[in-house]
PDB file of all heavy atoms in Angstrom:
ATOM      1  N   SER A   1      43.871  98.773 117.844  1.00  0.00           N
ATOM      2  CA  SER A   1      43.334  97.556 118.388  1.00  0.00           C
ATOM      3  C   SER A   1      44.366  96.442 118.270  1.00  0.00           C
ATOM      4  O   SER A   1      45.087  96.392 117.231  1.00  0.00           O
ATOM      5  CB  SER A   1      42.005  97.178 117.680  1.00  0.00           C
ATOM      6  OG  SER A   1      42.227  96.849 116.333  1.00  0.00           O
ATOM      7  N   TRP A   2      44.405  95.564 119.259  1.00  0.00           N
ATOM      8  CA  TRP A   2      45.432  94.524 119.329  1.00  0.00           C
ATOM      9  C   TRP A   2      44.801  93.165 119.686  1.00  0.00           C
ATOM     10  O   TRP A   2      43.920  93.118 120.515  1.00  0.00           O
ATOM     11  CB  TRP A   2      46.485  94.858 120.384  1.00  0.00           C
ATOM     12  CG  TRP A   2      47.059  96.243 120.265  1.00  0.00           C
ATOM     13  CD1 TRP A   2      46.623  97.396 120.862  1.00  0.00           C
ATOM     14  CD2 TRP A   2      48.249  96.607 119.530  1.00  0.00           C
ATOM     15  NE1 TRP A   2      47.407  98.455 120.531  1.00  0.00           N
ATOM     16  CE2 TRP A   2      48.458  98.023 119.705  1.00  0.00           C
ATOM     17  CE3 TRP A   2      49.153  95.892 118.735  1.00  0.00           C
ATOM     18  CZ2 TRP A   2      49.480  98.695 119.123  1.00  0.00           C
ATOM     19  CZ3 TRP A   2      50.213  96.623 118.171  1.00  0.00           C
ATOM     20  CH2 TRP A   2      50.391  97.978 118.363  1.00  0.00           C
ATOM     21  N   HIS A   3      45.311  92.119 119.049  1.00  0.00           N
ATOM     22  CA  HIS A   3      44.893  90.758 119.378  1.00  0.00           C
ATOM     23  C   HIS A   3      46.150  89.900 119.441  1.00  0.00           C
ATOM     24  O   HIS A   3      46.989  89.940 118.540  1.00  0.00           O
ATOM     25  CB  HIS A   3      43.963  90.154 118.328  1.00  0.00           C
ATOM     26  CG  HIS A   3      42.622  90.841 118.224  1.00  0.00           C
ATOM     27  ND1 HIS A   3      42.437  92.018 117.530  1.00  0.00           N
ATOM     28  CD2 HIS A   3      41.425  90.492 118.710  1.00  0.00           C
ATOM     29  CE1 HIS A   3      41.193  92.361 117.579  1.00  0.00           C
ATOM     30  NE2 HIS A   3      40.541  91.478 118.313  1.00  0.00           N
ATOM     31  N   PHE A   4      46.242  89.079 120.493  1.00  0.00           N
ATOM     32  CA  PHE A   4      47.303  88.059 120.615  1.00  0.00           C
ATOM     33  C   PHE A   4      46.652  86.762 121.092  1.00  0.00           C
ATOM     34  O   PHE A   4      45.848  86.805 122.025  1.00  0.00           O
ATOM     35  CB  PHE A   4      48.352  88.531 121.635  1.00  0.00           C
ATOM     36  CG  PHE A   4      49.006  89.875 121.298  1.00  0.00           C
ATOM     37  CD1 PHE A   4      48.535  90.995 121.948  1.00  0.00           C
ATOM     38  CD2 PHE A   4      50.014  89.982 120.380  1.00  0.00           C
ATOM     39  CE1 PHE A   4      49.039  92.229 121.642  1.00  0.00           C
ATOM     40  CE2 PHE A   4      50.567  91.197 120.089  1.00  0.00           C
ATOM     41  CZ  PHE A   4      50.106  92.348 120.711  1.00  0.00           C
ATOM     42  N   ALA A   5      47.049  85.681 120.466  1.00  0.00           N
ATOM     43  CA  ALA A   5      46.344  84.372 120.798  1.00  0.00           C
ATOM     44  C   ALA A   5      47.270  83.214 120.613  1.00  0.00           C
ATOM     45  O   ALA A   5      48.271  83.261 119.807  1.00  0.00           O
ATOM     46  CB  ALA A   5      45.100  84.229 119.906  1.00  0.00           C
ATOM     47  N   PHE A   6      46.968  82.187 121.357  1.00  0.00           N
ATOM     48  CA  PHE A   6      47.618  80.879 121.223  1.00  0.00           C
ATOM     49  C   PHE A   6      46.525  79.809 121.168  1.00  0.00           C
ATOM     50  O   PHE A   6      45.600  79.755 122.010  1.00  0.00           O
ATOM     51  CB  PHE A   6      48.556  80.582 122.345  1.00  0.00           C
ATOM     52  CG  PHE A   6      49.080  79.155 122.353  1.00  0.00           C
ATOM     53  CD1 PHE A   6      50.074  78.781 121.469  1.00  0.00           C
ATOM     54  CD2 PHE A   6      48.549  78.161 123.199  1.00  0.00           C
ATOM     55  CE1 PHE A   6      50.528  77.472 121.425  1.00  0.00           C
ATOM     56  CE2 PHE A   6      49.037  76.877 123.180  1.00  0.00           C
ATOM     57  CZ  PHE A   6      50.006  76.513 122.282  1.00  0.00           C
ATOM     58  N   TYR A   7      46.623  78.917 120.137  1.00  0.00           N
ATOM     59  CA  TYR A   7      45.633  77.840 119.974  1.00  0.00           C
ATOM     60  C   TYR A   7      46.351  76.503 120.008  1.00  0.00           C
ATOM     61  O   TYR A   7      47.264  76.238 119.225  1.00  0.00           O
ATOM     62  CB  TYR A   7      44.897  78.001 118.638  1.00  0.00           C
ATOM     63  CG  TYR A   7      44.075  79.274 118.605  1.00  0.00           C
ATOM     64  CD1 TYR A   7      44.601  80.424 117.999  1.00  0.00           C
ATOM     65  CD2 TYR A   7      42.843  79.364 119.178  1.00  0.00           C
ATOM     66  CE1 TYR A   7      43.888  81.637 117.995  1.00  0.00           C
ATOM     67  CE2 TYR A   7      42.124  80.532 119.185  1.00  0.00           C
ATOM     68  CZ  TYR A   7      42.662  81.675 118.561  1.00  0.00           C
ATOM     69  OH  TYR A   7      41.936  82.836 118.578  1.00  0.00           O
ATOM     70  N   LYS A   8      45.947  75.655 120.967  1.00  0.00           N
ATOM     71  CA  LYS A   8      46.548  74.378 121.104  1.00  0.00           C
ATOM     72  C   LYS A   8      46.192  73.449 119.970  1.00  0.00           C
ATOM     73  O   LYS A   8      46.990  72.669 119.459  1.00  0.00           O
ATOM     74  CB  LYS A   8      46.162  73.730 122.445  1.00  0.00           C
ATOM     75  CG  LYS A   8      46.806  72.399 122.717  1.00  0.00           C
ATOM     76  CD  LYS A   8      48.334  72.501 122.685  1.00  0.00           C
ATOM     77  CE  LYS A   8      48.971  71.116 122.802  1.00  0.00           C
ATOM     78  NZ  LYS A   8      50.449  71.198 122.570  1.00  0.00           N
ATOM     79  N   ASN A   9      44.919  73.518 119.504  1.00  0.00           N
ATOM     80  CA  ASN A   9      44.444  72.638 118.430  1.00  0.00           C
ATOM     81  C   ASN A   9      43.148  73.208 117.850  1.00  0.00           C
ATOM     82  O   ASN A   9      42.625  74.231 118.323  1.00  0.00           O
ATOM     83  CB  ASN A   9      44.246  71.193 118.877  1.00  0.00           C
ATOM     84  CG  ASN A   9      43.557  71.090 120.214  1.00  0.00           C
ATOM     85  OD1 ASN A   9      44.175  70.773 121.224  1.00  0.00           O
ATOM     86  ND2 ASN A   9      42.243  71.347 120.225  1.00  0.00           N
ATOM     87  N   GLU A  10      42.584  72.505 116.888  1.00  0.00           N
ATOM     88  CA  GLU A  10      41.312  72.915 116.302  1.00  0.00           C
ATOM     89  C   GLU A  10      40.188  72.769 117.356  1.00  0.00           C
ATOM     90  O   GLU A  10      40.424  72.206 118.432  1.00  0.00           O
ATOM     91  CB  GLU A  10      40.984  72.168 115.031  1.00  0.00           C
ATOM     92  CG  GLU A  10      41.379  70.698 115.022  1.00  0.00           C
ATOM     93  CD  GLU A  10      40.513  69.848 115.900  1.00  0.00           C
ATOM     94  OE1 GLU A  10      39.307  70.107 115.924  1.00  0.00           O
ATOM     95  OE2 GLU A  10      41.024  68.980 116.615  1.00  0.00           O
ATOM     96  N   GLU A  11      38.986  73.251 117.078  1.00  0.00           N
ATOM     97  CA  GLU A  11      37.959  73.421 118.077  1.00  0.00           C
ATOM     98  C   GLU A  11      37.432  72.150 118.712  1.00  0.00           C
ATOM     99  O   GLU A  11      36.983  72.164 119.881  1.00  0.00           O
ATOM    100  CB  GLU A  11      36.797  74.226 117.510  1.00  0.00           C
ATOM    101  CG  GLU A  11      36.065  73.600 116.377  1.00  0.00           C
ATOM    102  CD  GLU A  11      36.547  74.006 115.032  1.00  0.00           C
ATOM    103  OE1 GLU A  11      37.768  74.193 114.860  1.00  0.00           O
ATOM    104  OE2 GLU A  11      35.720  74.165 114.115  1.00  0.00           O
ATOM    105  N   LEU A  12      37.437  70.968 118.027  1.00  0.00           N
ATOM    106  CA  LEU A  12      36.814  69.781 118.559  1.00  0.00           C
ATOM    107  C   LEU A  12      37.811  68.834 119.213  1.00  0.00           C
ATOM    108  O   LEU A  12      37.399  67.869 119.839  1.00  0.00           O
ATOM    109  CB  LEU A  12      36.081  69.031 117.440  1.00  0.00           C
ATOM    110  CG  LEU A  12      34.984  69.787 116.714  1.00  0.00           C
ATOM    111  CD1 LEU A  12      34.304  68.901 115.674  1.00  0.00           C
ATOM    112  CD2 LEU A  12      33.937  70.344 117.702  1.00  0.00           C
ATOM    113  N   ASN A  13      39.107  69.120 119.081  1.00  0.00           N
ATOM    114  CA  ASN A  13      40.172  68.173 119.489  1.00  0.00           C
ATOM    115  C   ASN A  13      39.949  66.767 118.890  1.00  0.00           C
ATOM    116  O   ASN A  13      40.183  65.783 119.549  1.00  0.00           O
ATOM    117  CB  ASN A  13      40.239  68.072 121.028  1.00  0.00           C
ATOM    118  CG  ASN A  13      41.523  67.409 121.520  1.00  0.00           C
ATOM    119  OD1 ASN A  13      42.530  67.417 120.835  1.00  0.00           O
ATOM    120  ND2 ASN A  13      41.434  66.764 122.664  1.00  0.00           N
ATOM    121  N   ASP A  14      39.449  66.776 117.666  1.00  0.00           N
ATOM    122  CA  ASP A  14      39.203  65.540 116.924  1.00  0.00           C
ATOM    123  C   ASP A  14      39.332  65.865 115.456  1.00  0.00           C
ATOM    124  O   ASP A  14      38.366  66.193 114.764  1.00  0.00           O
ATOM    125  CB  ASP A  14      37.868  64.922 117.228  1.00  0.00           C
ATOM    126  CG  ASP A  14      37.609  63.615 116.448  1.00  0.00           C
ATOM    127  OD1 ASP A  14      38.540  63.149 115.767  1.00  0.00           O
ATOM    128  OD2 ASP A  14      36.470  63.094 116.544  1.00  0.00           O
ATOM    129  N   SER A  15      40.583  65.825 114.941  1.00  0.00           N
ATOM    130  CA  SER A  15      40.787  66.230 113.547  1.00  0.00           C
ATOM    131  C   SER A  15      40.303  65.270 112.548  1.00  0.00           C
ATOM    132  O   SER A  15      40.462  65.496 111.309  1.00  0.00           O
ATOM    133  CB  SER A  15      42.315  66.477 113.372  1.00  0.00           C
ATOM    134  OG  SER A  15      43.023  65.334 113.651  1.00  0.00           O
ATOM    135  N   SER A  16      39.737  64.136 112.942  1.00  0.00           N
ATOM    136  CA  SER A  16      39.169  63.212 111.987  1.00  0.00           C
ATOM    137  C   SER A  16      37.642  63.456 111.818  1.00  0.00           C
ATOM    138  O   SER A  16      37.028  62.796 110.981  1.00  0.00           O
ATOM    139  CB  SER A  16      39.351  61.750 112.484  1.00  0.00           C
ATOM    140  OG  SER A  16      38.594  61.523 113.672  1.00  0.00           O
ATOM    141  N   ASN A  17      37.090  64.437 112.547  1.00  0.00           N
ATOM    142  CA  ASN A  17      35.659  64.679 112.496  1.00  0.00           C
ATOM    143  C   ASN A  17      35.368  65.957 111.697  1.00  0.00           C
ATOM    144  O   ASN A  17      35.648  67.075 112.129  1.00  0.00           O
ATOM    145  CB  ASN A  17      35.141  64.846 113.913  1.00  0.00           C
ATOM    146  CG  ASN A  17      33.650  65.058 113.974  1.00  0.00           C
ATOM    147  OD1 ASN A  17      32.955  65.012 112.957  1.00  0.00           O
ATOM    148  ND2 ASN A  17      33.099  65.314 115.140  1.00  0.00           N
ATOM    149  N   PRO A  18      34.741  65.823 110.500  1.00  0.00           N
ATOM    150  CA  PRO A  18      34.419  67.008 109.680  1.00  0.00           C
ATOM    151  C   PRO A  18      33.060  67.656 110.056  1.00  0.00           C
ATOM    152  O   PRO A  18      32.690  68.604 109.420  1.00  0.00           O
ATOM    153  CB  PRO A  18      34.351  66.441 108.238  1.00  0.00           C
ATOM    154  CG  PRO A  18      33.855  65.059 108.445  1.00  0.00           C
ATOM    155  CD  PRO A  18      34.416  64.576 109.769  1.00  0.00           C
ATOM    156  N   ASN A  19      32.424  67.157 111.150  1.00  0.00           N
ATOM    157  CA  ASN A  19      31.164  67.749 111.520  1.00  0.00           C
ATOM    158  C   ASN A  19      31.420  68.984 112.362  1.00  0.00           C
ATOM    159  O   ASN A  19      31.351  68.981 113.605  1.00  0.00           O
ATOM    160  CB  ASN A  19      30.321  66.779 112.338  1.00  0.00           C
ATOM    161  CG  ASN A  19      29.832  65.598 111.547  1.00  0.00           C
ATOM    162  OD1 ASN A  19      29.936  65.620 110.285  1.00  0.00           O
ATOM    163  ND2 ASN A  19      29.332  64.576 112.163  1.00  0.00           N
ATOM    164  N   ARG A  20      31.789  70.055 111.690  1.00  0.00           N
ATOM    165  CA  ARG A  20      32.187  71.277 112.339  1.00  0.00           C
ATOM    166  C   ARG A  20      31.761  72.498 111.547  1.00  0.00           C
ATOM    167  O   ARG A  20      31.423  72.349 110.337  1.00  0.00           O
ATOM    168  CB  ARG A  20      33.687  71.290 112.595  1.00  0.00           C
ATOM    169  CG  ARG A  20      34.488  71.241 111.304  1.00  0.00           C
ATOM    170  CD  ARG A  20      35.996  71.154 111.579  1.00  0.00           C
ATOM    171  NE  ARG A  20      36.343  69.862 112.203  1.00  0.00           N
ATOM    172  CZ  ARG A  20      37.212  69.750 113.204  1.00  0.00           C
ATOM    173  NH1 ARG A  20      37.860  70.808 113.637  1.00  0.00           N
ATOM    174  NH2 ARG A  20      37.449  68.558 113.695  1.00  0.00           N
ATOM    175  N   TYR A  21      31.853  73.679 112.150  1.00  0.00           N
ATOM    176  CA  TYR A  21      31.430  74.897 111.454  1.00  0.00           C
ATOM    177  C   TYR A  21      32.559  75.517 110.640  1.00  0.00           C
ATOM    178  O   TYR A  21      32.371  75.958 109.530  1.00  0.00           O
ATOM    179  CB  TYR A  21      30.882  75.927 112.478  1.00  0.00           C
ATOM    180  CG  TYR A  21      30.758  77.318 111.872  1.00  0.00           C
ATOM    181  CD1 TYR A  21      29.680  77.652 111.066  1.00  0.00           C
ATOM    182  CD2 TYR A  21      31.750  78.299 112.112  1.00  0.00           C
ATOM    183  CE1 TYR A  21      29.578  78.909 110.505  1.00  0.00           C
ATOM    184  CE2 TYR A  21      31.625  79.550 111.567  1.00  0.00           C
ATOM    185  CZ  TYR A  21      30.562  79.894 110.738  1.00  0.00           C
ATOM    186  OH  TYR A  21      30.472  81.124 110.207  1.00  0.00           O
ATOM    187  N   SER A  22      33.747  75.606 111.233  1.00  0.00           N
ATOM    188  CA  SER A  22      34.833  76.296 110.529  1.00  0.00           C
ATOM    189  C   SER A  22      35.782  75.230 109.977  1.00  0.00           C
ATOM    190  O   SER A  22      35.961  74.149 110.503  1.00  0.00           O
ATOM    191  CB  SER A  22      35.556  77.244 111.435  1.00  0.00           C
ATOM    192  OG  SER A  22      36.001  76.621 112.641  1.00  0.00           O
ATOM    193  N   PHE A  23      36.448  75.623 108.880  1.00  0.00           N
ATOM    194  CA  PHE A  23      37.301  74.714 108.100  1.00  0.00           C
ATOM    195  C   PHE A  23      38.696  74.573 108.778  1.00  0.00           C
ATOM    196  O   PHE A  23      39.342  75.554 109.055  1.00  0.00           O
ATOM    197  CB  PHE A  23      37.435  75.139 106.647  1.00  0.00           C
ATOM    198  CG  PHE A  23      36.176  74.920 105.856  1.00  0.00           C
ATOM    199  CD1 PHE A  23      35.162  75.839 105.823  1.00  0.00           C
ATOM    200  CD2 PHE A  23      36.015  73.702 105.151  1.00  0.00           C
ATOM    201  CE1 PHE A  23      34.029  75.606 105.083  1.00  0.00           C
ATOM    202  CE2 PHE A  23      34.878  73.450 104.419  1.00  0.00           C
ATOM    203  CZ  PHE A  23      33.848  74.412 104.378  1.00  0.00           C
ATOM    204  N   ASP A  24      39.093  73.342 108.955  1.00  0.00           N
ATOM    205  CA  ASP A  24      40.405  72.968 109.519  1.00  0.00           C
ATOM    206  C   ASP A  24      41.003  71.833 108.716  1.00  0.00           C
ATOM    207  O   ASP A  24      40.319  71.158 107.957  1.00  0.00           O
ATOM    208  CB  ASP A  24      40.305  72.547 111.010  1.00  0.00           C
ATOM    209  CG  ASP A  24      39.717  73.642 111.870  1.00  0.00           C
ATOM    210  OD1 ASP A  24      40.391  74.672 112.039  1.00  0.00           O
ATOM    211  OD2 ASP A  24      38.547  73.484 112.350  1.00  0.00           O
ATOM    212  N   LEU A  25      42.297  71.549 108.919  1.00  0.00           N
ATOM    213  CA  LEU A  25      42.918  70.344 108.374  1.00  0.00           C
ATOM    214  C   LEU A  25      42.209  69.134 108.971  1.00  0.00           C
ATOM    215  O   LEU A  25      41.963  69.061 110.187  1.00  0.00           O
ATOM    216  CB  LEU A  25      44.400  70.273 108.687  1.00  0.00           C
ATOM    217  CG  LEU A  25      45.307  71.320 108.048  1.00  0.00           C
ATOM    218  CD1 LEU A  25      46.756  71.053 108.405  1.00  0.00           C
ATOM    219  CD2 LEU A  25      45.118  71.346 106.503  1.00  0.00           C
ATOM    220  N   ILE A  26      41.873  68.159 108.067  1.00  0.00           N
ATOM    221  CA  ILE A  26      41.154  66.944 108.523  1.00  0.00           C
ATOM    222  C   ILE A  26      41.972  65.736 108.153  1.00  0.00           C
ATOM    223  O   ILE A  26      42.532  65.619 107.043  1.00  0.00           O
ATOM    224  CB  ILE A  26      39.754  66.920 107.828  1.00  0.00           C
ATOM    225  CG1 ILE A  26      38.891  68.055 108.310  1.00  0.00           C
ATOM    226  CG2 ILE A  26      39.077  65.550 108.093  1.00  0.00           C
ATOM    227  CD1 ILE A  26      38.487  68.001 109.802  1.00  0.00           C
ATOM    228  N   ARG A  27      41.997  64.778 109.070  1.00  0.00           N
ATOM    229  CA  ARG A  27      42.715  63.531 108.825  1.00  0.00           C
ATOM    230  C   ARG A  27      41.771  62.560 108.130  1.00  0.00           C
ATOM    231  O   ARG A  27      40.778  62.122 108.672  1.00  0.00           O
ATOM    232  CB  ARG A  27      43.195  62.916 110.139  1.00  0.00           C
ATOM    233  CG  ARG A  27      44.319  63.710 110.773  1.00  0.00           C
ATOM    234  CD  ARG A  27      44.999  62.966 111.903  1.00  0.00           C
ATOM    235  NE  ARG A  27      44.113  62.802 113.059  1.00  0.00           N
ATOM    236  CZ  ARG A  27      43.592  61.676 113.483  1.00  0.00           C
ATOM    237  NH1 ARG A  27      43.838  60.545 112.831  1.00  0.00           N
ATOM    238  NH2 ARG A  27      42.823  61.633 114.533  1.00  0.00           N
ATOM    239  N   VAL A  28      42.062  62.253 106.866  1.00  0.00           N
ATOM    240  CA  VAL A  28      41.264  61.305 106.090  1.00  0.00           C
ATOM    241  C   VAL A  28      42.160  60.678 105.022  1.00  0.00           C
ATOM    242  O   VAL A  28      42.998  61.340 104.418  1.00  0.00           O
ATOM    243  CB  VAL A  28      40.050  62.053 105.419  1.00  0.00           C
ATOM    244  CG1 VAL A  28      40.517  63.187 104.498  1.00  0.00           C
ATOM    245  CG2 VAL A  28      39.143  61.115 104.666  1.00  0.00           C
ATOM    246  N   ASP A  29      41.972  59.366 104.820  1.00  0.00           N
ATOM    247  CA  ASP A  29      42.730  58.589 103.828  1.00  0.00           C
ATOM    248  C   ASP A  29      44.230  58.775 104.090  1.00  0.00           C
ATOM    249  O   ASP A  29      44.674  58.645 105.212  1.00  0.00           O
ATOM    250  CB  ASP A  29      42.359  59.014 102.422  1.00  0.00           C
ATOM    251  CG  ASP A  29      40.845  58.702 102.131  1.00  0.00           C
ATOM    252  OD1 ASP A  29      40.315  57.781 102.728  1.00  0.00           O
ATOM    253  OD2 ASP A  29      40.228  59.477 101.366  1.00  0.00           O
ATOM    254  N   ASP A  30      45.004  59.131 103.042  1.00  0.00           N
ATOM    255  CA  ASP A  30      46.459  59.273 103.236  1.00  0.00           C
ATOM    256  C   ASP A  30      46.825  60.672 103.753  1.00  0.00           C
ATOM    257  O   ASP A  30      48.016  60.941 104.049  1.00  0.00           O
ATOM    258  CB  ASP A  30      47.211  58.956 101.968  1.00  0.00           C
ATOM    259  CG  ASP A  30      46.820  59.843 100.819  1.00  0.00           C
ATOM    260  OD1 ASP A  30      45.939  60.693 100.966  1.00  0.00           O
ATOM    261  OD2 ASP A  30      47.394  59.683  99.694  1.00  0.00           O
ATOM    262  N   GLN A  31      45.868  61.588 103.845  1.00  0.00           N
ATOM    263  CA  GLN A  31      46.133  62.878 104.446  1.00  0.00           C
ATOM    264  C   GLN A  31      45.840  62.827 105.924  1.00  0.00           C
ATOM    265  O   GLN A  31      44.710  62.887 106.349  1.00  0.00           O
ATOM    266  CB  GLN A  31      45.263  63.960 103.763  1.00  0.00           C
ATOM    267  CG  GLN A  31      45.648  64.278 102.329  1.00  0.00           C
ATOM    268  CD  GLN A  31      46.858  65.250 102.307  1.00  0.00           C
ATOM    269  OE1 GLN A  31      47.246  65.859 103.302  1.00  0.00           O
ATOM    270  NE2 GLN A  31      47.448  65.453 101.110  1.00  0.00           N
ATOM    271  N   GLN A  32      46.906  62.744 106.719  1.00  0.00           N
ATOM    272  CA  GLN A  32      46.772  62.513 108.179  1.00  0.00           C
ATOM    273  C   GLN A  32      47.345  63.705 108.954  1.00  0.00           C
ATOM    274  O   GLN A  32      48.063  63.537 109.948  1.00  0.00           O
ATOM    275  CB  GLN A  32      47.407  61.247 108.573  1.00  0.00           C
ATOM    276  CG  GLN A  32      46.723  59.995 108.054  1.00  0.00           C
ATOM    277  CD  GLN A  32      45.346  59.846 108.715  1.00  0.00           C
ATOM    278  OE1 GLN A  32      45.214  59.891 109.941  1.00  0.00           O
ATOM    279  NE2 GLN A  32      44.343  59.621 107.909  1.00  0.00           N
ATOM    280  N   ASN A  33      47.031  64.917 108.476  1.00  0.00           N
ATOM    281  CA  ASN A  33      47.614  66.123 109.112  1.00  0.00           C
ATOM    282  C   ASN A  33      46.594  66.841 109.940  1.00  0.00           C
ATOM    283  O   ASN A  33      45.381  66.838 109.647  1.00  0.00           O
ATOM    284  CB  ASN A  33      48.133  67.081 108.016  1.00  0.00           C
ATOM    285  CG  ASN A  33      49.272  66.484 107.209  1.00  0.00           C
ATOM    286  OD1 ASN A  33      50.257  66.047 107.797  1.00  0.00           O
ATOM    287  ND2 ASN A  33      49.083  66.353 105.914  1.00  0.00           N
ATOM    288  N   GLU A  34      47.066  67.511 111.004  1.00  0.00           N
ATOM    289  CA  GLU A  34      46.196  68.362 111.836  1.00  0.00           C
ATOM    290  C   GLU A  34      46.970  69.562 112.360  1.00  0.00           C
ATOM    291  O   GLU A  34      48.235  69.561 112.477  1.00  0.00           O
ATOM    292  CB  GLU A  34      45.626  67.555 112.998  1.00  0.00           C
ATOM    293  CG  GLU A  34      46.671  66.958 113.910  1.00  0.00           C
ATOM    294  CD  GLU A  34      46.011  66.120 115.025  1.00  0.00           C
ATOM    295  OE1 GLU A  34      45.469  66.712 115.918  1.00  0.00           O
ATOM    296  OE2 GLU A  34      46.113  64.854 114.926  1.00  0.00           O
ATOM    297  N   GLU A  35      46.236  70.627 112.705  1.00  0.00           N
ATOM    298  CA  GLU A  35      46.815  71.874 113.170  1.00  0.00           C
ATOM    299  C   GLU A  35      47.035  71.848 114.664  1.00  0.00           C
ATOM    300  O   GLU A  35      46.119  71.511 115.437  1.00  0.00           O
ATOM    301  CB  GLU A  35      45.918  73.061 112.847  1.00  0.00           C
ATOM    302  CG  GLU A  35      45.539  73.134 111.361  1.00  0.00           C
ATOM    303  CD  GLU A  35      44.322  74.052 111.116  1.00  0.00           C
ATOM    304  OE1 GLU A  35      44.067  74.898 111.963  1.00  0.00           O
ATOM    305  OE2 GLU A  35      43.621  73.842 110.080  1.00  0.00           O
ATOM    306  N   ILE A  36      48.232  72.246 115.118  1.00  0.00           N
ATOM    307  CA  ILE A  36      48.535  72.310 116.540  1.00  0.00           C
ATOM    308  C   ILE A  36      49.406  73.476 116.832  1.00  0.00           C
ATOM    309  O   ILE A  36      50.047  74.035 115.925  1.00  0.00           O
ATOM    310  CB  ILE A  36      49.235  71.025 117.049  1.00  0.00           C
ATOM    311  CG1 ILE A  36      50.574  70.825 116.321  1.00  0.00           C
ATOM    312  CG2 ILE A  36      48.345  69.778 116.911  1.00  0.00           C
ATOM    313  CD1 ILE A  36      51.432  69.708 116.885  1.00  0.00           C
ATOM    314  N   ASN A  37      49.445  73.946 118.110  1.00  0.00           N
ATOM    315  CA  ASN A  37      50.374  74.951 118.596  1.00  0.00           C
ATOM    316  C   ASN A  37      50.479  76.159 117.727  1.00  0.00           C
ATOM    317  O   ASN A  37      51.584  76.503 117.216  1.00  0.00           O
ATOM    318  CB  ASN A  37      51.744  74.298 118.837  1.00  0.00           C
ATOM    319  CG  ASN A  37      51.672  73.096 119.753  1.00  0.00           C
ATOM    320  OD1 ASN A  37      50.865  73.031 120.661  1.00  0.00           O
ATOM    321  ND2 ASN A  37      52.534  72.108 119.471  1.00  0.00           N
ATOM    322  N   GLN A  38      49.388  76.834 117.533  1.00  0.00           N
ATOM    323  CA  GLN A  38      49.348  77.992 116.630  1.00  0.00           C
ATOM    324  C   GLN A  38      49.325  79.314 117.416  1.00  0.00           C
ATOM    325  O   GLN A  38      48.630  79.452 118.424  1.00  0.00           O
ATOM    326  CB  GLN A  38      48.051  77.899 115.770  1.00  0.00           C
ATOM    327  CG  GLN A  38      47.807  79.068 114.846  1.00  0.00           C
ATOM    328  CD  GLN A  38      46.543  78.832 114.029  1.00  0.00           C
ATOM    329  OE1 GLN A  38      46.410  77.861 113.299  1.00  0.00           O
ATOM    330  NE2 GLN A  38      45.597  79.759 114.126  1.00  0.00           N
ATOM    331  N   VAL A  39      50.051  80.290 116.932  1.00  0.00           N
ATOM    332  CA  VAL A  39      50.082  81.632 117.521  1.00  0.00           C
ATOM    333  C   VAL A  39      49.562  82.603 116.507  1.00  0.00           C
ATOM    334  O   VAL A  39      49.783  82.452 115.280  1.00  0.00           O
ATOM    335  CB  VAL A  39      51.491  82.046 117.990  1.00  0.00           C
ATOM    336  CG1 VAL A  39      51.930  81.168 119.174  1.00  0.00           C
ATOM    337  CG2 VAL A  39      52.499  81.986 116.879  1.00  0.00           C
ATOM    338  N   ASN A  40      48.822  83.626 116.982  1.00  0.00           N
ATOM    339  CA  ASN A  40      48.247  84.646 116.155  1.00  0.00           C
ATOM    340  C   ASN A  40      48.498  86.061 116.702  1.00  0.00           C
ATOM    341  O   ASN A  40      48.468  86.198 117.959  1.00  0.00           O
ATOM    342  CB  ASN A  40      46.750  84.474 115.982  1.00  0.00           C
ATOM    343  CG  ASN A  40      46.360  83.430 114.971  1.00  0.00           C
ATOM    344  OD1 ASN A  40      46.399  82.218 115.273  1.00  0.00           O
ATOM    345  ND2 ASN A  40      46.044  83.840 113.742  1.00  0.00           N
ATOM    346  N   GLY A  41      48.769  86.981 115.824  1.00  0.00           N
ATOM    347  CA  GLY A  41      48.866  88.380 116.229  1.00  0.00           C
ATOM    348  C   GLY A  41      48.181  89.251 115.204  1.00  0.00           C
ATOM    349  O   GLY A  41      48.310  89.018 113.975  1.00  0.00           O
ATOM    350  N   ARG A  42      47.419  90.252 115.650  1.00  0.00           N
ATOM    351  CA  ARG A  42      46.764  91.173 114.746  1.00  0.00           C
ATOM    352  C   ARG A  42      46.796  92.585 115.343  1.00  0.00           C
ATOM    353  O   ARG A  42      46.545  92.784 116.543  1.00  0.00           O
ATOM    354  CB  ARG A  42      45.321  90.756 114.592  1.00  0.00           C
ATOM    355  CG  ARG A  42      44.498  91.656 113.618  1.00  0.00           C
ATOM    356  CD  ARG A  42      43.066  91.242 113.558  1.00  0.00           C
ATOM    357  NE  ARG A  42      42.256  91.959 112.562  1.00  0.00           N
ATOM    358  CZ  ARG A  42      41.624  93.120 112.772  1.00  0.00           C
ATOM    359  NH1 ARG A  42      41.686  93.702 114.003  1.00  0.00           N
ATOM    360  NH2 ARG A  42      40.953  93.698 111.813  1.00  0.00           N
TER     361      ARG A  42
END
């Protein structure tokens, strides 16, 4: 079985919003980081 994927960003396209189901980098206080341009292979 094979999986190949590309993800432009987290699911909401709003990394300041923690109202979500799965855990992602969140921009809050001095931590202003977010996930972008991710590739996956399995």
